[in-house]
Amino acid sequence: MKQFILACVATAAIAGCTMSDTLTEKAEVAQSDMAYAVIVPVLMQTELPGGVSIPRGVAEPLARCIIENATVSELSSLAAASVTGPTADTNYIVSNILNRASTTTCATAALSGGASA
């Protein structure tokens, strides 16, 4: 009987871990989606030299690279901006992440048709 109870407890613990992992993954996806919804417009509103704006077709792959290279804290701040609206801090975070070598490598690959790094 003890073995049966132990087996039931172990099964429940494993099931709980699996459910927790699934919920964590869903939360991460939701957070990334919220951040993406903020990053794309921020990039598209960025004015480049000559008064040129970044088109959506460029902003979208850049946004994915920014999300891939953001820290948990940065991603959380960007996701929160989808509720509160972007601020100067949002622009700073996006710019800071975009200036990282890993993000530049990802963006170069994404914009040249290659796989992201």
C-alpha atoms as a PDB file:
ATOM      1  CA  MET A   1       0.000   0.000   0.000  1.00  0.00           C
ATOM      2  CA  LYS A   2       2.862   2.402   0.822  1.00  0.00           C
ATOM      3  CA  GLN A   3       4.356   1.783  -2.620  1.00  0.00           C
ATOM      4  CA  PHE A   4       1.024   2.564  -4.267  1.00  0.00           C
ATOM      5  CA  ILE A   5       0.703   5.843  -2.344  1.00  0.00           C
ATOM      6  CA  LEU A   6       4.317   6.735  -3.142  1.00  0.00           C
ATOM      7  CA  ALA A   7       3.684   6.032  -6.838  1.00  0.00           C
ATOM      8  CA  CYS A   8       0.571   8.235  -6.782  1.00  0.00           C
ATOM      9  CA  VAL A   9       2.433  11.086  -5.088  1.00  0.00           C
ATOM     10  CA  ALA A  10       5.313  10.818  -7.572  1.00  0.00           C
ATOM     11  CA  THR A  11       2.893  10.817 -10.512  1.00  0.00           C
ATOM     12  CA  ALA A  12       1.081  13.865  -9.154  1.00  0.00           C
ATOM     13  CA  ALA A  13       4.391  15.668  -8.629  1.00  0.00           C
ATOM     14  CA  ILE A  14       5.494  14.952 -12.194  1.00  0.00           C
ATOM     15  CA  ALA A  15       2.119  16.073 -13.551  1.00  0.00           C
ATOM     16  CA  GLY A  16       2.377  19.258 -11.506  1.00  0.00           C
ATOM     17  CA  CYS A  17       5.815  20.007 -12.948  1.00  0.00           C
ATOM     18  CA  THR A  18       4.532  19.464 -16.467  1.00  0.00           C
ATOM     19  CA  MET A  19       1.556  21.766 -15.880  1.00  0.00           C
ATOM     20  CA  SER A  20       3.828  24.374 -14.321  1.00  0.00           C
ATOM     21  CA  ASP A  21       6.211  24.207 -17.290  1.00  0.00           C
ATOM     22  CA  THR A  22       3.299  24.601 -19.713  1.00  0.00           C
ATOM     23  CA  LEU A  23       1.935  27.608 -17.816  1.00  0.00           C
ATOM     24  CA  THR A  24       5.399  29.167 -17.681  1.00  0.00           C
ATOM     25  CA  GLU A  25       5.826  28.711 -21.436  1.00  0.00           C
ATOM     26  CA  LYS A  26       2.409  30.267 -22.099  1.00  0.00           C
ATOM     27  CA  ALA A  27       3.252  33.220 -19.849  1.00  0.00           C
ATOM     28  CA  GLU A  28       6.574  33.731 -21.641  1.00  0.00           C
ATOM     29  CA  VAL A  29       4.857  33.638 -25.041  1.00  0.00           C
ATOM     30  CA  ALA A  30       2.229  36.129 -23.857  1.00  0.00           C
ATOM     31  CA  GLN A  31       4.926  38.420 -22.487  1.00  0.00           C
ATOM     32  CA  SER A  32       6.874  38.217 -25.764  1.00  0.00           C
ATOM     33  CA  ASP A  33       3.715  38.943 -27.765  1.00  0.00           C
ATOM     34  CA  MET A  34       2.979  41.990 -25.605  1.00  0.00           C
ATOM     35  CA  ALA A  35       6.552  43.252 -25.986  1.00  0.00           C
ATOM     36  CA  TYR A  36       6.409  42.664 -29.756  1.00  0.00           C
ATOM     37  CA  ALA A  37       3.249  44.785 -29.952  1.00  0.00           C
ATOM     38  CA  VAL A  38       5.213  47.675 -28.415  1.00  0.00           C
ATOM     39  CA  ILE A  39       8.565  47.219 -30.155  1.00  0.00           C
ATOM     40  CA  VAL A  40       7.285  47.211 -33.751  1.00  0.00           C
ATOM     41  CA  PRO A  41       5.561  50.632 -33.491  1.00  0.00           C
ATOM     42  CA  VAL A  42       8.528  52.078 -31.567  1.00  0.00           C
ATOM     43  CA  LEU A  43      10.850  50.994 -34.379  1.00  0.00           C
ATOM     44  CA  MET A  44       8.482  52.249 -37.081  1.00  0.00           C
ATOM     45  CA  GLN A  45       8.290  55.666 -35.384  1.00  0.00           C
ATOM     46  CA  THR A  46      12.075  55.937 -35.312  1.00  0.00           C
ATOM     47  CA  GLU A  47      13.208  58.547 -37.794  1.00  0.00           C
ATOM     48  CA  LEU A  48      16.422  57.713 -39.607  1.00  0.00           C
ATOM     49  CA  PRO A  49      18.711  60.295 -41.229  1.00  0.00           C
ATOM     50  CA  GLY A  50      16.984  61.925 -44.171  1.00  0.00           C
ATOM     51  CA  GLY A  51      13.571  61.703 -42.516  1.00  0.00           C
ATOM     52  CA  VAL A  52      13.127  58.042 -43.440  1.00  0.00           C
ATOM     53  CA  SER A  53      11.124  55.754 -41.133  1.00  0.00           C
ATOM     54  CA  ILE A  54      11.676  52.037 -40.602  1.00  0.00           C
ATOM     55  CA  PRO A  55       9.062  50.074 -42.600  1.00  0.00           C
ATOM     56  CA  ARG A  56       7.017  47.281 -40.990  1.00  0.00           C
ATOM     57  CA  GLY A  57       8.822  44.641 -43.084  1.00  0.00           C
ATOM     58  CA  VAL A  58      12.090  45.649 -41.411  1.00  0.00           C
ATOM     59  CA  ALA A  59      10.652  46.446 -37.968  1.00  0.00           C
ATOM     60  CA  GLU A  60       9.097  42.992 -37.494  1.00  0.00           C
ATOM     61  CA  PRO A  61      12.297  40.908 -37.836  1.00  0.00           C
ATOM     62  CA  LEU A  62      14.182  43.502 -35.773  1.00  0.00           C
ATOM     63  CA  ALA A  63      11.532  43.209 -33.051  1.00  0.00           C
ATOM     64  CA  ARG A  64      11.971  39.429 -32.944  1.00  0.00           C
ATOM     65  CA  CYS A  65      15.742  39.861 -32.559  1.00  0.00           C
ATOM     66  CA  ILE A  66      15.228  42.420 -29.798  1.00  0.00           C
ATOM     67  CA  ILE A  67      12.940  40.010 -27.931  1.00  0.00           C
ATOM     68  CA  GLU A  68      15.419  37.140 -28.345  1.00  0.00           C
ATOM     69  CA  ASN A  69      18.205  39.243 -26.840  1.00  0.00           C
ATOM     70  CA  ALA A  70      16.288  41.035 -24.071  1.00  0.00           C
ATOM     71  CA  THR A  71      16.824  40.183 -20.435  1.00  0.00           C
ATOM     72  CA  VAL A  72      13.855  39.013 -18.384  1.00  0.00           C
ATOM     73  CA  SER A  73      13.643  42.451 -16.772  1.00  0.00           C
ATOM     74  CA  GLU A  74      13.769  44.266 -20.115  1.00  0.00           C
ATOM     75  CA  LEU A  75      11.158  41.978 -21.635  1.00  0.00           C
ATOM     76  CA  SER A  76       8.913  42.560 -18.630  1.00  0.00           C
ATOM     77  CA  SER A  77       9.267  46.344 -18.973  1.00  0.00           C
ATOM     78  CA  LEU A  78       8.513  46.207 -22.697  1.00  0.00           C
ATOM     79  CA  ALA A  79       5.470  44.004 -22.106  1.00  0.00           C
ATOM     80  CA  ALA A  80       4.214  46.404 -19.427  1.00  0.00           C
ATOM     81  CA  ALA A  81       4.469  49.238 -21.947  1.00  0.00           C
ATOM     82  CA  SER A  82       1.813  47.483 -24.023  1.00  0.00           C
ATOM     83  CA  VAL A  83      -0.609  48.345 -21.207  1.00  0.00           C
ATOM     84  CA  THR A  84       0.702  51.733 -20.083  1.00  0.00           C
ATOM     85  CA  GLY A  85       1.964  52.973 -23.443  1.00  0.00           C
ATOM     86  CA  PRO A  86       5.563  53.438 -24.556  1.00  0.00           C
ATOM     87  CA  THR A  87       7.712  56.056 -22.835  1.00  0.00           C
ATOM     88  CA  ALA A  88      11.223  57.419 -23.258  1.00  0.00           C
ATOM     89  CA  ASP A  89      12.368  54.463 -21.135  1.00  0.00           C
ATOM     90  CA  THR A  90      10.779  52.083 -23.655  1.00  0.00           C
ATOM     91  CA  ASN A  91      12.746  53.726 -26.463  1.00  0.00           C
ATOM     92  CA  TYR A  92      15.928  53.528 -24.380  1.00  0.00           C
ATOM     93  CA  ILE A  93      15.431  49.810 -23.678  1.00  0.00           C
ATOM     94  CA  VAL A  94      14.786  49.048 -27.359  1.00  0.00           C
ATOM     95  CA  SER A  95      17.843  51.068 -28.406  1.00  0.00           C
ATOM     96  CA  ASN A  96      20.036  49.467 -25.755  1.00  0.00           C
ATOM     97  CA  ILE A  97      19.074  45.924 -26.802  1.00  0.00           C
ATOM     98  CA  LEU A  98      19.438  46.775 -30.489  1.00  0.00           C
ATOM     99  CA  ASN A  99      23.013  47.976 -29.893  1.00  0.00           C
ATOM    100  CA  ARG A 100      24.152  44.598 -28.517  1.00  0.00           C
ATOM    101  CA  ALA A 101      26.416  42.514 -30.733  1.00  0.00           C
ATOM    102  CA  SER A 102      24.118  39.494 -30.422  1.00  0.00           C
ATOM    103  CA  THR A 103      21.120  41.547 -31.546  1.00  0.00           C
ATOM    104  CA  THR A 104      23.074  43.037 -34.442  1.00  0.00           C
ATOM    105  CA  THR A 105      24.108  39.548 -35.553  1.00  0.00           C
ATOM    106  CA  CYS A 106      20.506  38.354 -35.328  1.00  0.00           C
ATOM    107  CA  ALA A 107      19.212  41.397 -37.216  1.00  0.00           C
ATOM    108  CA  THR A 108      21.806  41.025 -39.968  1.00  0.00           C
ATOM    109  CA  ALA A 109      20.851  37.390 -40.451  1.00  0.00           C
ATOM    110  CA  ALA A 110      17.113  38.107 -40.303  1.00  0.00           C
ATOM    111  CA  LEU A 111      17.251  41.005 -42.747  1.00  0.00           C
ATOM    112  CA  SER A 112      19.486  39.148 -45.194  1.00  0.00           C
ATOM    113  CA  GLY A 113      17.102  36.184 -45.271  1.00  0.00           C
ATOM    114  CA  GLY A 114      19.208  33.930 -43.039  1.00  0.00           C
ATOM    115  CA  ALA A 115      18.249  32.264 -39.786  1.00  0.00           C
ATOM    116  CA  SER A 116      18.506  34.388 -36.666  1.00  0.00           C
ATOM    117  CA  ALA A 117      21.506  33.858 -34.419  1.00  0.00           C
END
